[in-house]
């Protein structure tokens, strides 16, 4: 699958959820969120076909998460618009954990 390419077989939780939501597989979304103990509210889209999805990451997203969405875009034939408070690299995450802020 193209969605797994950036992480060599691993798919980020956010990308997996976006894939399930886009395919309208609500039960699988609920299973994933319940297993991860993440509170949620699902409001269904009444449109029969999604053409564009707005995704908002509060707290930042990684380059890998964006890359999986770019790959998913071609698999699902849906355009994703992404808003994020910060774009995180491996270096920036490690620096934040170490208390080094640039």
Protein backbone atom coordinates (compact mmCIF):
# COMPACT_ATOMS: atom_id res chain seq x y z
CA UNK A 1 0.00 0.00 0.00
CA UNK A 2 1.19 3.50 -0.78
CA UNK A 3 0.07 4.83 2.61
CA UNK A 4 2.77 2.77 4.36
CA UNK A 5 5.74 3.86 2.20
CA UNK A 6 7.11 6.72 4.32
CA UNK A 7 7.34 4.52 7.43
CA UNK A 8 8.30 1.21 5.78
CA UNK A 9 5.14 -0.71 6.67
CA UNK A 10 3.94 1.37 9.63
CA UNK A 11 0.94 3.67 9.19
CA UNK A 12 0.48 6.62 11.59
CA UNK A 13 -2.76 6.47 13.59
CA UNK A 14 -3.95 9.78 12.17
CA UNK A 15 -3.49 8.58 8.59
CA UNK A 16 -5.26 5.28 9.31
CA UNK A 17 -8.20 7.16 10.86
CA UNK A 18 -8.40 9.57 7.94
CA UNK A 19 -8.42 6.61 5.54
CA UNK A 20 -11.28 4.93 7.45
CA UNK A 21 -13.28 8.16 7.73
CA UNK A 22 -12.83 8.92 4.04
CA UNK A 23 -14.05 5.41 3.19
CA UNK A 24 -16.92 5.90 5.70
CA UNK A 25 -15.90 2.86 7.75
CA UNK A 26 -17.25 4.30 11.00
CA UNK A 27 -17.21 1.06 13.02
CA UNK A 28 -13.52 0.55 12.35
CA UNK A 29 -12.83 4.16 13.39
CA UNK A 30 -14.68 3.63 16.64
CA UNK A 31 -12.71 0.43 17.30
CA UNK A 32 -9.37 2.20 16.74
CA UNK A 33 -10.32 5.15 18.95
CA UNK A 34 -11.74 2.97 21.72
CA UNK A 35 -8.63 0.77 21.73
CA UNK A 36 -6.40 3.85 22.00
CA UNK A 37 -8.71 5.31 24.69
CA UNK A 38 -9.14 8.52 22.71
CA UNK A 39 -12.38 10.48 23.30
CA UNK A 40 -14.19 11.27 20.07
CA UNK A 41 -17.35 12.43 18.38
CA UNK A 42 -18.15 11.33 14.85
CA UNK A 43 -20.47 13.42 12.72
CA UNK A 44 -21.19 11.82 9.38
CA UNK A 45 -20.96 13.69 6.12
CA UNK A 46 -24.16 13.43 4.12
CA UNK A 47 -22.32 13.72 0.82
CA UNK A 48 -22.10 10.44 -1.05
CA UNK A 49 -18.66 11.19 -2.44
CA UNK A 50 -15.86 13.12 -0.78
CA UNK A 51 -13.66 15.17 -3.08
CA UNK A 52 -11.81 17.37 -0.61
CA UNK A 53 -11.07 16.93 3.11
CA UNK A 54 -9.71 19.53 5.53
CA UNK A 55 -7.38 18.03 8.13
CA UNK A 56 -6.29 20.11 11.14
CA UNK A 57 -3.39 19.03 13.36
CA UNK A 58 -3.26 20.95 16.63
CA UNK A 59 0.12 20.50 18.25
CA UNK A 60 1.90 19.77 15.00
CA UNK A 61 2.36 16.94 12.55
CA UNK A 62 5.41 15.19 11.18
CA UNK A 63 6.72 15.21 7.65
CA UNK A 64 5.96 11.47 7.56
CA UNK A 65 2.29 12.02 8.41
CA UNK A 66 2.00 14.53 5.58
CA UNK A 67 3.74 12.09 3.22
CA UNK A 68 1.29 9.30 4.09
CA UNK A 69 -1.60 11.67 3.33
CA UNK A 70 -0.02 12.57 0.01
CA UNK A 71 0.16 8.85 -0.86
CA UNK A 72 -3.37 8.23 0.44
CA UNK A 73 -4.64 11.04 -1.78
CA UNK A 74 -3.78 9.00 -4.87
CA UNK A 75 -5.23 5.75 -3.50
CA UNK A 76 -8.58 7.34 -2.54
CA UNK A 77 -8.77 10.05 -5.21
CA UNK A 78 -9.51 12.68 -2.56
CA UNK A 79 -7.73 16.01 -2.10
CA UNK A 80 -6.48 16.76 1.41
CA UNK A 81 -5.93 20.29 2.69
CA UNK A 82 -3.75 20.21 5.79
CA UNK A 83 -3.48 22.88 8.48
CA UNK A 84 -0.96 22.33 11.25
CA UNK A 85 0.34 24.47 14.09
CA UNK A 86 3.86 23.16 13.47
CA UNK A 87 5.65 20.87 11.05
CA UNK A 88 7.86 18.53 13.04
CA UNK A 89 11.02 16.75 11.94
CA UNK A 90 12.81 14.01 13.88
CA UNK A 91 15.42 16.56 14.94
CA UNK A 92 12.85 19.05 16.25
CA UNK A 93 11.03 16.34 18.27
CA UNK A 94 14.29 15.14 19.87
CA UNK A 95 15.34 18.72 20.61
CA UNK A 96 12.00 19.41 22.29
CA UNK A 97 12.31 16.26 24.40
CA UNK A 98 15.84 17.30 25.39
CA UNK A 99 14.65 20.82 26.27
CA UNK A 100 16.53 22.46 23.38
CA UNK A 101 14.27 24.98 21.64
CA UNK A 102 15.33 26.64 18.41
